[in-house]
Amino acid sequence: MVRINDTRGWRVNLSQPELTIHIEMLSGEAFFFFDKIPGPGGLPVGVSGQVACLVSGGIDAPVAAYRIMKRGCSAQLIHFHGYPIVSHTSIEKARQLAEALLPYQPHLWLHLVPFGEIQQQIMSLVPSRFRVLIYRRLMMLIADRVAHKLGALALITGDAVGQVASQTLKNLAVLEAAASLPVLRPLIAMDKDEITAEAIRIGTYPISIIPDQELLPGFTPRDPATAAGLWEVEEAEKRLPWTEMVTAAVAGASVEEFRFRGADAAFRKRHLRPRTHNSPFVGFRAITKQSPPRRNALLSSLPVSKCCRPHVST
């Protein structure tokens, strides 16, 4: 500071500094940086255990998967599809969503469960007002079976209270009763605008809004139950060959693996700049032509012999 004062004639102002320099002292070396860039926060993926995420082709489920990854959980994705009875569009969307989530968990698996025949049986044997609830209870039970095989500790869904008929508090309790594992809902108190904004930010929204067909035509009833009792839903389920349906769905599931490649190269290309031995490294935010002249002069007067590490706060 004495050198800067002697050469530039600048006075020290600790109350309103034009530039704050952070120094990180290590054993044997020191690093300095000028800016802190907020990171996503959370915990390293995997430190909290493994979970199974039920992922549709919609907006909510990928955001729920991202949020649970952010809390350190390693997520396996489970997608239910109606192919070949309906188009395979939802399968392709699920694959694209898995790829979109790779920056947040660089290695994951997508489990594709055939569900078209089960939908047909539900339509023909179950009262219309209970169709969606029983459809989702079967999904929950099948996902529970798959999760147990994987060693997962919880199921993750994109439910939010009151968003649709099956997501009232009473109906959520009916759905959860089908699973033996804990059911976690990262979006439970968010509204649609908040969920959509996060989907846009993480990059899943453009995929989620692609039209697809997960349900058979005419499957969604006009009068869905909004406050069903567990006993009446279980009574309606007795019309279905429950055990055979679940066993066949689990056996018919296929698995696809996804890996994020080139992560280190992508990071370096985006964040690190070449430097000469005596040039100052100024962190992620380069000093541009629009920077104050005195700041540029101050930076250029700082002799450095080591490049600082990029500093990202979590």
C-alpha atoms as a PDB file:
ATOM      1  CA  MET A   1       0.000   0.000   0.000  1.00  0.00           C
ATOM      2  CA  VAL A   2       2.910   2.322   0.696  1.00  0.00           C
ATOM      3  CA  ARG A   3       4.211   1.679  -2.793  1.00  0.00           C
ATOM      4  CA  ILE A   4       0.835   2.507  -4.340  1.00  0.00           C
ATOM      5  CA  ASN A   5       0.609   5.671  -2.266  1.00  0.00           C
ATOM      6  CA  ASP A   6       4.117   6.745  -3.280  1.00  0.00           C
ATOM      7  CA  THR A   7       3.662   6.034  -6.987  1.00  0.00           C
ATOM      8  CA  ARG A   8       0.039   7.084  -7.467  1.00  0.00           C
ATOM      9  CA  GLY A   9      -0.642   9.523  -4.668  1.00  0.00           C
ATOM     10  CA  TRP A  10      -3.829   7.689  -3.720  1.00  0.00           C
ATOM     11  CA  ARG A  11      -5.097   7.782  -0.171  1.00  0.00           C
ATOM     12  CA  VAL A  12      -6.528   4.785   1.667  1.00  0.00           C
ATOM     13  CA  ASN A  13     -10.300   4.858   2.169  1.00  0.00           C
ATOM     14  CA  LEU A  14     -11.482   1.852   4.184  1.00  0.00           C
ATOM     15  CA  SER A  15     -15.054   3.146   4.457  1.00  0.00           C
ATOM     16  CA  GLN A  16     -15.751   3.361   0.711  1.00  0.00           C
ATOM     17  CA  PRO A  17     -12.974   1.535  -1.127  1.00  0.00           C
ATOM     18  CA  GLU A  18     -12.958   1.549  -4.921  1.00  0.00           C
ATOM     19  CA  LEU A  19     -11.504  -1.958  -4.944  1.00  0.00           C
ATOM     20  CA  THR A  20     -11.548  -4.755  -2.366  1.00  0.00           C
ATOM     21  CA  ILE A  21      -8.820  -7.372  -2.631  1.00  0.00           C
ATOM     22  CA  HIS A  22      -9.420 -10.728  -0.946  1.00  0.00           C
ATOM     23  CA  ILE A  23      -6.430 -12.831   0.105  1.00  0.00           C
ATOM     24  CA  GLU A  24      -6.518 -16.544   0.875  1.00  0.00           C
ATOM     25  CA  MET A  25      -3.504 -17.692   2.876  1.00  0.00           C
ATOM     26  CA  LEU A  26      -2.413 -21.309   2.549  1.00  0.00           C
ATOM     27  CA  SER A  27       0.622 -23.139   3.885  1.00  0.00           C
ATOM     28  CA  GLY A  28       3.376 -22.129   1.488  1.00  0.00           C
ATOM     29  CA  GLU A  29       1.413 -19.920  -0.914  1.00  0.00           C
ATOM     30  CA  ALA A  30      -1.228 -17.219  -1.047  1.00  0.00           C
ATOM     31  CA  PHE A  31      -3.959 -16.413  -3.546  1.00  0.00           C
ATOM     32  CA  PHE A  32      -5.737 -13.137  -4.125  1.00  0.00           C
ATOM     33  CA  PHE A  33      -8.988 -12.422  -5.924  1.00  0.00           C
ATOM     34  CA  PHE A  34     -11.257  -9.456  -6.500  1.00  0.00           C
ATOM     35  CA  ASP A  35     -14.771 -10.822  -6.975  1.00  0.00           C
ATOM     36  CA  LYS A  36     -16.908 -13.535  -5.408  1.00  0.00           C
ATOM     37  CA  ILE A  37     -19.336 -15.194  -7.801  1.00  0.00           C
ATOM     38  CA  PRO A  38     -22.270 -16.852  -5.988  1.00  0.00           C
ATOM     39  CA  GLY A  39     -22.517 -20.540  -6.792  1.00  0.00           C
ATOM     40  CA  PRO A  40     -25.694 -22.657  -6.691  1.00  0.00           C
ATOM     41  CA  GLY A  41     -25.155 -23.553  -3.036  1.00  0.00           C
ATOM     42  CA  GLY A  42     -26.066 -26.881  -1.544  1.00  0.00           C
ATOM     43  CA  LEU A  43     -23.951 -29.984  -1.004  1.00  0.00           C
ATOM     44  CA  PRO A  44     -21.754 -32.169  -3.246  1.00  0.00           C
ATOM     45  CA  VAL A  45     -23.860 -34.705  -5.138  1.00  0.00           C
ATOM     46  CA  GLY A  46     -23.841 -38.100  -3.454  1.00  0.00           C
ATOM     47  CA  VAL A  47     -22.980 -37.134   0.119  1.00  0.00           C
ATOM     48  CA  SER A  48     -26.635 -37.365   1.218  1.00  0.00           C
ATOM     49  CA  GLY A  49     -27.364 -40.775  -0.310  1.00  0.00           C
ATOM     50  CA  GLN A  50     -29.275 -42.080  -3.311  1.00  0.00           C
ATOM     51  CA  VAL A  51     -32.881 -41.287  -4.248  1.00  0.00           C
ATOM     52  CA  ALA A  52     -35.289 -42.236  -7.036  1.00  0.00           C
ATOM     53  CA  CYS A  53     -37.003 -39.348  -8.857  1.00  0.00           C
ATOM     54  CA  LEU A  54     -40.287 -39.862 -10.678  1.00  0.00           C
ATOM     55  CA  VAL A  55     -39.793 -37.749 -13.807  1.00  0.00           C
ATOM     56  CA  SER A  56     -42.600 -37.036 -16.235  1.00  0.00           C
ATOM     57  CA  GLY A  57     -42.198 -34.877 -19.306  1.00  0.00           C
ATOM     58  CA  GLY A  58     -43.606 -31.837 -17.523  1.00  0.00           C
ATOM     59  CA  ILE A  59     -42.072 -28.735 -15.959  1.00  0.00           C
ATOM     60  CA  ASP A  60     -42.179 -29.709 -12.286  1.00  0.00           C
ATOM     61  CA  ALA A  61     -40.415 -33.060 -11.955  1.00  0.00           C
ATOM     62  CA  PRO A  62     -37.034 -32.031 -13.465  1.00  0.00           C
ATOM     63  CA  VAL A  63     -36.936 -29.025 -11.132  1.00  0.00           C
ATOM     64  CA  ALA A  64     -37.650 -31.316  -8.164  1.00  0.00           C
ATOM     65  CA  ALA A  65     -34.809 -33.602  -9.312  1.00  0.00           C
ATOM     66  CA  TYR A  66     -32.449 -30.628  -9.579  1.00  0.00           C
ATOM     67  CA  ARG A  67     -33.367 -29.411  -6.106  1.00  0.00           C
ATOM     68  CA  ILE A  68     -32.737 -32.778  -4.486  1.00  0.00           C
ATOM     69  CA  MET A  69     -29.396 -33.057  -6.323  1.00  0.00           C
ATOM     70  CA  LYS A  70     -28.536 -29.655  -4.886  1.00  0.00           C
ATOM     71  CA  ARG A  71     -28.985 -31.090  -1.387  1.00  0.00           C
ATOM     72  CA  GLY A  72     -26.336 -33.724  -2.048  1.00  0.00           C
ATOM     73  CA  CYS A  73     -28.555 -36.610  -3.191  1.00  0.00           C
ATOM     74  CA  SER A  74     -27.557 -38.821  -6.100  1.00  0.00           C
ATOM     75  CA  ALA A  75     -30.702 -39.128  -8.218  1.00  0.00           C
ATOM     76  CA  GLN A  76     -31.839 -41.971 -10.421  1.00  0.00           C
ATOM     77  CA  LEU A  77     -34.661 -40.974 -12.783  1.00  0.00           C
ATOM     78  CA  ILE A  78     -37.778 -43.105 -13.334  1.00  0.00           C
ATOM     79  CA  HIS A  79     -40.056 -42.313 -16.277  1.00  0.00           C
ATOM     80  CA  PHE A  80     -43.380 -44.051 -17.031  1.00  0.00           C
ATOM     81  CA  HIS A  81     -44.421 -44.153 -20.691  1.00  0.00           C
ATOM     82  CA  GLY A  82     -47.298 -45.450 -22.792  1.00  0.00           C
ATOM     83  CA  TYR A  83     -45.277 -46.602 -25.796  1.00  0.00           C
ATOM     84  CA  PRO A  84     -46.099 -48.436 -28.102  1.00  0.00           C
ATOM     85  CA  ILE A  85     -49.775 -47.704 -27.449  1.00  0.00           C
ATOM     86  CA  VAL A  86     -49.034 -43.969 -27.720  1.00  0.00           C
ATOM     87  CA  SER A  87     -46.056 -42.226 -29.350  1.00  0.00           C
ATOM     88  CA  HIS A  88     -42.536 -42.461 -27.968  1.00  0.00           C
ATOM     89  CA  THR A  89     -42.270 -38.657 -27.630  1.00  0.00           C
ATOM     90  CA  SER A  90     -42.311 -38.765 -23.837  1.00  0.00           C
ATOM     91  CA  ILE A  91     -39.373 -41.201 -23.865  1.00  0.00           C
ATOM     92  CA  GLU A  92     -37.331 -38.836 -26.026  1.00  0.00           C
ATOM     93  CA  LYS A  93     -38.247 -35.938 -23.745  1.00  0.00           C
ATOM     94  CA  ALA A  94     -37.157 -37.933 -20.702  1.00  0.00           C
ATOM     95  CA  ARG A  95     -33.806 -38.599 -22.359  1.00  0.00           C
ATOM     96  CA  GLN A  96     -33.348 -34.926 -23.187  1.00  0.00           C
ATOM     97  CA  LEU A  97     -34.265 -33.953 -19.630  1.00  0.00           C
ATOM     98  CA  ALA A  98     -31.711 -36.425 -18.288  1.00  0.00           C
ATOM     99  CA  GLU A  99     -29.057 -34.809 -20.487  1.00  0.00           C
ATOM    100  CA  ALA A 100     -30.165 -31.338 -19.350  1.00  0.00           C
ATOM    101  CA  LEU A 101     -29.631 -32.368 -15.710  1.00  0.00           C
ATOM    102  CA  LEU A 102     -26.108 -33.706 -16.297  1.00  0.00           C
ATOM    103  CA  PRO A 103     -24.371 -30.396 -15.449  1.00  0.00           C
ATOM    104  CA  TYR A 104     -25.795 -30.777 -11.940  1.00  0.00           C
ATOM    105  CA  GLN A 105     -25.126 -34.529 -11.589  1.00  0.00           C
ATOM    106  CA  PRO A 106     -22.569 -35.688 -14.144  1.00  0.00           C
ATOM    107  CA  HIS A 107     -23.503 -39.378 -14.003  1.00  0.00           C
ATOM    108  CA  LEU A 108     -27.085 -40.632 -13.801  1.00  0.00           C
ATOM    109  CA  TRP A 109     -29.427 -43.385 -14.937  1.00  0.00           C
ATOM    110  CA  LEU A 110     -32.853 -43.202 -16.559  1.00  0.00           C
ATOM    111  CA  HIS A 111     -35.269 -46.082 -15.889  1.00  0.00           C
ATOM    112  CA  LEU A 112     -38.025 -46.369 -18.526  1.00  0.00           C
ATOM    113  CA  VAL A 113     -41.112 -48.227 -17.276  1.00  0.00           C
ATOM    114  CA  PRO A 114     -43.839 -49.367 -19.741  1.00  0.00           C
ATOM    115  CA  PHE A 115     -47.225 -48.227 -18.490  1.00  0.00           C
ATOM    116  CA  GLY A 116     -49.590 -48.260 -21.472  1.00  0.00           C
ATOM    117  CA  GLU A 117     -51.261 -51.604 -20.749  1.00  0.00           C
ATOM    118  CA  ILE A 118     -51.730 -50.636 -17.114  1.00  0.00           C
ATOM    119  CA  GLN A 119     -53.516 -47.462 -18.239  1.00  0.00           C
ATOM    120  CA  GLN A 120     -55.837 -49.565 -20.404  1.00  0.00           C
ATOM    121  CA  GLN A 121     -56.754 -51.801 -17.475  1.00  0.00           C
ATOM    122  CA  ILE A 122     -57.351 -48.803 -15.210  1.00  0.00           C
ATOM    123  CA  MET A 123     -59.649 -47.203 -17.820  1.00  0.00           C
ATOM    124  CA  SER A 124     -61.720 -50.355 -18.226  1.00  0.00           C
ATOM    125  CA  LEU A 125     -61.963 -51.484 -14.573  1.00  0.00           C
ATOM    126  CA  VAL A 126     -61.726 -48.423 -12.291  1.00  0.00           C
ATOM    127  CA  PRO A 127     -64.394 -45.737 -11.677  1.00  0.00           C
ATOM    128  CA  SER A 128     -63.407 -42.631 -13.626  1.00  0.00           C
ATOM    129  CA  ARG A 129     -63.111 -40.322 -10.595  1.00  0.00           C
ATOM    130  CA  PHE A 130     -60.372 -42.536  -9.123  1.00  0.00           C
ATOM    131  CA  ARG A 131     -58.412 -43.166 -12.328  1.00  0.00           C
ATOM    132  CA  VAL A 132     -55.646 -40.609 -11.846  1.00  0.00           C
ATOM    133  CA  LEU A 133     -55.191 -41.447  -8.169  1.00  0.00           C
ATOM    134  CA  ILE A 134     -54.885 -45.175  -8.813  1.00  0.00           C
ATOM    135  CA  TYR A 135     -52.689 -44.482 -11.840  1.00  0.00           C
ATOM    136  CA  ARG A 136     -50.344 -42.458  -9.645  1.00  0.00           C
ATOM    137  CA  ARG A 137     -50.507 -44.954  -6.751  1.00  0.00           C
ATOM    138  CA  LEU A 138     -49.365 -47.678  -9.138  1.00  0.00           C
ATOM    139  CA  MET A 139     -46.522 -45.422 -10.282  1.00  0.00           C
ATOM    140  CA  MET A 140     -45.566 -44.852  -6.668  1.00  0.00           C
ATOM    141  CA  LEU A 141     -45.594 -48.559  -5.860  1.00  0.00           C
ATOM    142  CA  ILE A 142     -43.582 -49.534  -8.967  1.00  0.00           C
ATOM    143  CA  ALA A 143     -41.072 -46.742  -8.322  1.00  0.00           C
ATOM    144  CA  ASP A 144     -40.854 -47.964  -4.718  1.00  0.00           C
ATOM    145  CA  ARG A 145     -39.960 -51.459  -5.932  1.00  0.00           C
ATOM    146  CA  VAL A 146     -37.364 -50.139  -8.369  1.00  0.00           C
ATOM    147  CA  ALA A 147     -35.911 -47.856  -5.688  1.00  0.00           C
ATOM    148  CA  HIS A 148     -35.500 -50.755  -3.263  1.00  0.00           C
ATOM    149  CA  LYS A 149     -33.581 -52.670  -5.930  1.00  0.00           C
ATOM    150  CA  LEU A 150     -31.293 -49.665  -6.425  1.00  0.00           C
ATOM    151  CA  GLY A 151     -30.713 -49.096  -2.712  1.00  0.00           C
ATOM    152  CA  ALA A 152     -32.409 -45.682  -2.857  1.00  0.00           C
ATOM    153  CA  LEU A 153     -33.486 -44.136   0.432  1.00  0.00           C
ATOM    154  CA  ALA A 154     -36.458 -42.031  -0.741  1.00  0.00           C
ATOM    155  CA  LEU A 155     -38.784 -41.239  -3.643  1.00  0.00           C
ATOM    156  CA  ILE A 156     -38.873 -37.716  -5.120  1.00  0.00           C
ATOM    157  CA  THR A 157     -41.881 -36.186  -6.868  1.00  0.00           C
ATOM    158  CA  GLY A 158     -42.697 -32.766  -8.305  1.00  0.00           C
ATOM    159  CA  ASP A 159     -45.953 -32.353  -6.364  1.00  0.00           C
ATOM    160  CA  ALA A 160     -47.058 -28.915  -5.122  1.00  0.00           C
ATOM    161  CA  VAL A 161     -50.043 -28.481  -2.822  1.00  0.00           C
ATOM    162  CA  GLY A 162     -53.249 -27.753  -4.724  1.00  0.00           C
ATOM    163  CA  GLN A 163     -51.673 -27.497  -8.165  1.00  0.00           C
ATOM    164  CA  VAL A 164     -53.910 -30.204  -9.692  1.00  0.00           C
ATOM    165  CA  ALA A 165     -56.725 -32.414  -8.410  1.00  0.00           C
ATOM    166  CA  SER A 166     -54.423 -35.245  -7.336  1.00  0.00           C
ATOM    167  CA  GLN A 167     -52.253 -32.879  -5.278  1.00  0.00           C
ATOM    168  CA  THR A 168     -54.679 -31.828  -2.566  1.00  0.00           C
ATOM    169  CA  LEU A 169     -53.503 -32.724   0.933  1.00  0.00           C
ATOM    170  CA  LYS A 170     -55.945 -35.647   1.224  1.00  0.00           C
ATOM    171  CA  ASN A 171     -54.990 -37.048  -2.156  1.00  0.00           C
ATOM    172  CA  LEU A 172     -51.271 -36.661  -1.478  1.00  0.00           C
ATOM    173  CA  ALA A 173     -51.753 -38.760   1.651  1.00  0.00           C
ATOM    174  CA  VAL A 174     -53.533 -41.421  -0.418  1.00  0.00           C
ATOM    175  CA  LEU A 175     -50.676 -41.460  -2.935  1.00  0.00           C
ATOM    176  CA  GLU A 176     -47.974 -41.654  -0.299  1.00  0.00           C
ATOM    177  CA  ALA A 177     -49.673 -44.625   1.377  1.00  0.00           C
ATOM    178  CA  ALA A 178     -48.728 -46.759  -1.662  1.00  0.00           C
ATOM    179  CA  ALA A 179     -44.990 -46.436  -0.962  1.00  0.00           C
ATOM    180  CA  SER A 180     -42.877 -47.916   1.793  1.00  0.00           C
ATOM    181  CA  LEU A 181     -40.035 -45.407   1.304  1.00  0.00           C
ATOM    182  CA  PRO A 182     -40.268 -41.743   2.379  1.00  0.00           C
ATOM    183  CA  VAL A 183     -41.750 -39.518  -0.328  1.00  0.00           C
ATOM    184  CA  LEU A 184     -39.994 -36.144  -0.570  1.00  0.00           C
ATOM    185  CA  ARG A 185     -41.513 -33.206  -2.448  1.00  0.00           C
ATOM    186  CA  PRO A 186     -38.995 -30.371  -2.983  1.00  0.00           C
ATOM    187  CA  LEU A 187     -41.596 -28.139  -4.688  1.00  0.00           C
ATOM    188  CA  ILE A 188     -44.435 -28.638  -2.215  1.00  0.00           C
ATOM    189  CA  ALA A 189     -44.928 -24.937  -1.316  1.00  0.00           C
ATOM    190  CA  MET A 190     -43.948 -23.372  -4.657  1.00  0.00           C
ATOM    191  CA  ASP A 191     -46.402 -21.947  -7.168  1.00  0.00           C
ATOM    192  CA  LYS A 192     -46.266 -22.566 -10.903  1.00  0.00           C
ATOM    193  CA  ASP A 193     -44.591 -19.265 -11.743  1.00  0.00           C
ATOM    194  CA  GLU A 194     -41.748 -19.985  -9.299  1.00  0.00           C
ATOM    195  CA  ILE A 195     -41.281 -23.509 -10.635  1.00  0.00           C
ATOM    196  CA  THR A 196     -41.326 -22.279 -14.234  1.00  0.00           C
ATOM    197  CA  ALA A 197     -38.737 -19.590 -13.478  1.00  0.00           C
ATOM    198  CA  GLU A 198     -36.408 -22.184 -11.984  1.00  0.00           C
ATOM    199  CA  ALA A 199     -36.955 -24.541 -14.935  1.00  0.00           C
ATOM    200  CA  ILE A 200     -35.916 -21.726 -17.272  1.00  0.00           C
ATOM    201  CA  ARG A 201     -32.836 -20.994 -15.162  1.00  0.00           C
ATOM    202  CA  ILE A 202     -31.597 -24.610 -15.091  1.00  0.00           C
ATOM    203  CA  GLY A 203     -32.357 -25.202 -18.776  1.00  0.00           C
ATOM    204  CA  THR A 204     -35.141 -27.830 -18.615  1.00  0.00           C
ATOM    205  CA  TYR A 205     -38.077 -25.593 -19.546  1.00  0.00           C
ATOM    206  CA  PRO A 206     -37.661 -25.635 -23.364  1.00  0.00           C
ATOM    207  CA  ILE A 207     -37.713 -29.450 -23.262  1.00  0.00           C
ATOM    208  CA  SER A 208     -40.625 -29.728 -20.840  1.00  0.00           C
ATOM    209  CA  ILE A 209     -42.972 -27.671 -23.025  1.00  0.00           C
ATOM    210  CA  ILE A 210     -42.511 -29.915 -26.079  1.00  0.00           C
ATOM    211  CA  PRO A 211     -45.928 -31.528 -26.724  1.00  0.00           C
ATOM    212  CA  ASP A 212     -46.097 -35.230 -25.903  1.00  0.00           C
ATOM    213  CA  GLN A 213     -48.616 -37.919 -24.992  1.00  0.00           C
ATOM    214  CA  GLU A 214     -48.180 -39.735 -21.690  1.00  0.00           C
ATOM    215  CA  LEU A 215     -51.836 -40.641 -21.086  1.00  0.00           C
ATOM    216  CA  LEU A 216     -54.167 -42.590 -23.347  1.00  0.00           C
ATOM    217  CA  PRO A 217     -56.900 -40.548 -25.060  1.00  0.00           C
ATOM    218  CA  GLY A 218     -59.874 -40.139 -22.744  1.00  0.00           C
ATOM    219  CA  PHE A 219     -57.957 -41.252 -19.643  1.00  0.00           C
ATOM    220  CA  THR A 220     -58.304 -37.993 -17.691  1.00  0.00           C
ATOM    221  CA  PRO A 221     -61.805 -37.826 -16.133  1.00  0.00           C
ATOM    222  CA  ARG A 222     -64.028 -34.768 -16.029  1.00  0.00           C
ATOM    223  CA  ASP A 223     -64.819 -35.313 -12.332  1.00  0.00           C
ATOM    224  CA  PRO A 224     -61.573 -36.350 -10.584  1.00  0.00           C
ATOM    225  CA  ALA A 225     -61.743 -36.986  -6.846  1.00  0.00           C
ATOM    226  CA  THR A 226     -60.150 -34.119  -4.924  1.00  0.00           C
ATOM    227  CA  ALA A 227     -60.555 -35.468  -1.389  1.00  0.00           C
ATOM    228  CA  ALA A 228     -60.570 -39.239  -1.722  1.00  0.00           C
ATOM    229  CA  GLY A 229     -60.498 -41.541   1.263  1.00  0.00           C
ATOM    230  CA  LEU A 230     -57.854 -44.246   1.315  1.00  0.00           C
ATOM    231  CA  TRP A 231     -60.402 -46.954   2.010  1.00  0.00           C
ATOM    232  CA  GLU A 232     -62.520 -46.154  -1.071  1.00  0.00           C
ATOM    233  CA  VAL A 233     -59.469 -45.984  -3.330  1.00  0.00           C
ATOM    234  CA  GLU A 234     -58.211 -49.330  -2.043  1.00  0.00           C
ATOM    235  CA  GLU A 235     -61.687 -50.779  -2.593  1.00  0.00           C
ATOM    236  CA  ALA A 236     -61.620 -49.631  -6.228  1.00  0.00           C
ATOM    237  CA  GLU A 237     -58.133 -51.106  -6.660  1.00  0.00           C
ATOM    238  CA  LYS A 238     -59.442 -54.594  -5.842  1.00  0.00           C
ATOM    239  CA  ARG A 239     -60.815 -54.738  -9.383  1.00  0.00           C
ATOM    240  CA  LEU A 240     -57.253 -54.748 -10.751  1.00  0.00           C
ATOM    241  CA  PRO A 241     -54.708 -57.624 -10.918  1.00  0.00           C
ATOM    242  CA  TRP A 242     -52.460 -55.455  -8.721  1.00  0.00           C
ATOM    243  CA  THR A 243     -49.581 -57.874  -8.080  1.00  0.00           C
ATOM    244  CA  GLU A 244     -49.289 -59.036 -11.680  1.00  0.00           C
ATOM    245  CA  MET A 245     -49.334 -55.485 -13.017  1.00  0.00           C
ATOM    246  CA  VAL A 246     -46.577 -54.270 -10.698  1.00  0.00           C
ATOM    247  CA  THR A 247     -44.392 -57.336 -11.284  1.00  0.00           C
ATOM    248  CA  ALA A 248     -44.688 -57.033 -15.077  1.00  0.00           C
ATOM    249  CA  ALA A 249     -43.898 -53.302 -15.040  1.00  0.00           C
ATOM    250  CA  VAL A 250     -40.788 -53.737 -12.898  1.00  0.00           C
ATOM    251  CA  ALA A 251     -39.585 -56.625 -15.068  1.00  0.00           C
ATOM    252  CA  GLY A 252     -40.215 -54.671 -18.279  1.00  0.00           C
ATOM    253  CA  ALA A 253     -38.268 -51.576 -17.232  1.00  0.00           C
ATOM    254  CA  SER A 254     -35.155 -50.676 -19.214  1.00  0.00           C
ATOM    255  CA  VAL A 255     -32.210 -48.610 -18.017  1.00  0.00           C
ATOM    256  CA  GLU A 256     -30.119 -45.999 -19.862  1.00  0.00           C
ATOM    257  CA  GLU A 257     -26.915 -44.434 -18.571  1.00  0.00           C
ATOM    258  CA  PHE A 258     -25.930 -40.796 -19.086  1.00  0.00           C
ATOM    259  CA  ARG A 259     -22.542 -39.171 -18.468  1.00  0.00           C
ATOM    260  CA  PHE A 260     -21.472 -35.565 -18.710  1.00  0.00           C
ATOM    261  CA  ARG A 261     -18.321 -35.468 -20.831  1.00  0.00           C
ATOM    262  CA  GLY A 262     -15.781 -32.698 -21.114  1.00  0.00           C
ATOM    263  CA  ALA A 263     -16.683 -31.041 -17.815  1.00  0.00           C
ATOM    264  CA  ASP A 264     -13.125 -29.966 -17.036  1.00  0.00           C
ATOM    265  CA  ALA A 265     -12.518 -28.618 -20.536  1.00  0.00           C
ATOM    266  CA  ALA A 266     -15.847 -26.772 -20.501  1.00  0.00           C
ATOM    267  CA  PHE A 267     -15.013 -25.175 -17.156  1.00  0.00           C
ATOM    268  CA  ARG A 268     -11.603 -24.045 -18.308  1.00  0.00           C
ATOM    269  CA  LYS A 269     -12.917 -22.647 -21.565  1.00  0.00           C
ATOM    270  CA  ARG A 270     -15.582 -20.660 -19.776  1.00  0.00           C
ATOM    271  CA  HIS A 271     -13.750 -19.406 -16.695  1.00  0.00           C
ATOM    272  CA  LEU A 272      -9.975 -19.451 -17.082  1.00  0.00           C
ATOM    273  CA  ARG A 273      -7.942 -17.150 -19.314  1.00  0.00           C
ATOM    274  CA  PRO A 274      -4.348 -17.535 -20.490  1.00  0.00           C
ATOM    275  CA  ARG A 275      -1.877 -15.343 -18.632  1.00  0.00           C
ATOM    276  CA  THR A 276       1.759 -14.379 -18.758  1.00  0.00           C
ATOM    277  CA  HIS A 277       3.987 -14.744 -15.709  1.00  0.00           C
ATOM    278  CA  ASN A 278       3.769 -11.103 -14.657  1.00  0.00           C
ATOM    279  CA  SER A 279       0.183 -10.341 -15.606  1.00  0.00           C
ATOM    280  CA  PRO A 280      -2.390 -10.018 -12.838  1.00  0.00           C
ATOM    281  CA  PHE A 281      -5.167 -12.590 -12.725  1.00  0.00           C
ATOM    282  CA  VAL A 282      -8.408 -10.772 -11.935  1.00  0.00           C
ATOM    283  CA  GLY A 283     -10.801 -13.636 -11.263  1.00  0.00           C
ATOM    284  CA  PHE A 284     -13.913 -14.485 -13.265  1.00  0.00           C
ATOM    285  CA  ARG A 285     -14.812 -10.909 -14.110  1.00  0.00           C
ATOM    286  CA  ALA A 286     -12.204  -9.450 -16.400  1.00  0.00           C
ATOM    287  CA  ILE A 287     -11.311  -5.782 -16.130  1.00  0.00           C
ATOM    288  CA  THR A 288     -12.946  -4.371 -19.243  1.00  0.00           C
ATOM    289  CA  LYS A 289     -12.623  -1.110 -21.107  1.00  0.00           C
ATOM    290  CA  GLN A 290     -15.633   0.138 -19.175  1.00  0.00           C
ATOM    291  CA  SER A 291     -13.852  -0.223 -15.812  1.00  0.00           C
ATOM    292  CA  PRO A 292     -12.851   2.972 -13.968  1.00  0.00           C
ATOM    293  CA  PRO A 293      -9.406   4.162 -15.054  1.00  0.00           C
ATOM    294  CA  ARG A 294      -8.120   4.289 -11.490  1.00  0.00           C
ATOM    295  CA  ARG A 295      -9.157   0.682 -10.958  1.00  0.00           C
ATOM    296  CA  ASN A 296      -7.322  -0.379 -14.102  1.00  0.00           C
ATOM    297  CA  ALA A 297      -4.266   1.527 -12.964  1.00  0.00           C
ATOM    298  CA  LEU A 298      -4.393  -0.049  -9.538  1.00  0.00           C
ATOM    299  CA  LEU A 299      -4.660  -3.568 -10.954  1.00  0.00           C
ATOM    300  CA  SER A 300      -1.803  -3.003 -13.353  1.00  0.00           C
ATOM    301  CA  SER A 301       0.403  -1.841 -10.500  1.00  0.00           C
ATOM    302  CA  LEU A 302      -0.004  -5.068  -8.552  1.00  0.00           C
ATOM    303  CA  PRO A 303       2.947  -7.438  -9.111  1.00  0.00           C
ATOM    304  CA  VAL A 304       1.934 -11.116  -8.922  1.00  0.00           C
ATOM    305  CA  SER A 305       3.929 -14.281  -9.333  1.00  0.00           C
ATOM    306  CA  LYS A 306       1.123 -16.791  -8.926  1.00  0.00           C
ATOM    307  CA  CYS A 307      -2.247 -17.113 -10.594  1.00  0.00           C
ATOM    308  CA  CYS A 308      -5.107 -17.164  -8.138  1.00  0.00           C
ATOM    309  CA  ARG A 309      -7.646 -19.934  -8.129  1.00  0.00           C
ATOM    310  CA  PRO A 310     -11.192 -19.105  -9.288  1.00  0.00           C
ATOM    311  CA  HIS A 311     -13.176 -18.380  -6.154  1.00  0.00           C
ATOM    312  CA  VAL A 312     -16.806 -19.561  -6.142  1.00  0.00           C
ATOM    313  CA  SER A 313     -18.818 -19.260  -2.965  1.00  0.00           C
ATOM    314  CA  THR A 314     -21.266 -22.015  -2.120  1.00  0.00           C
END
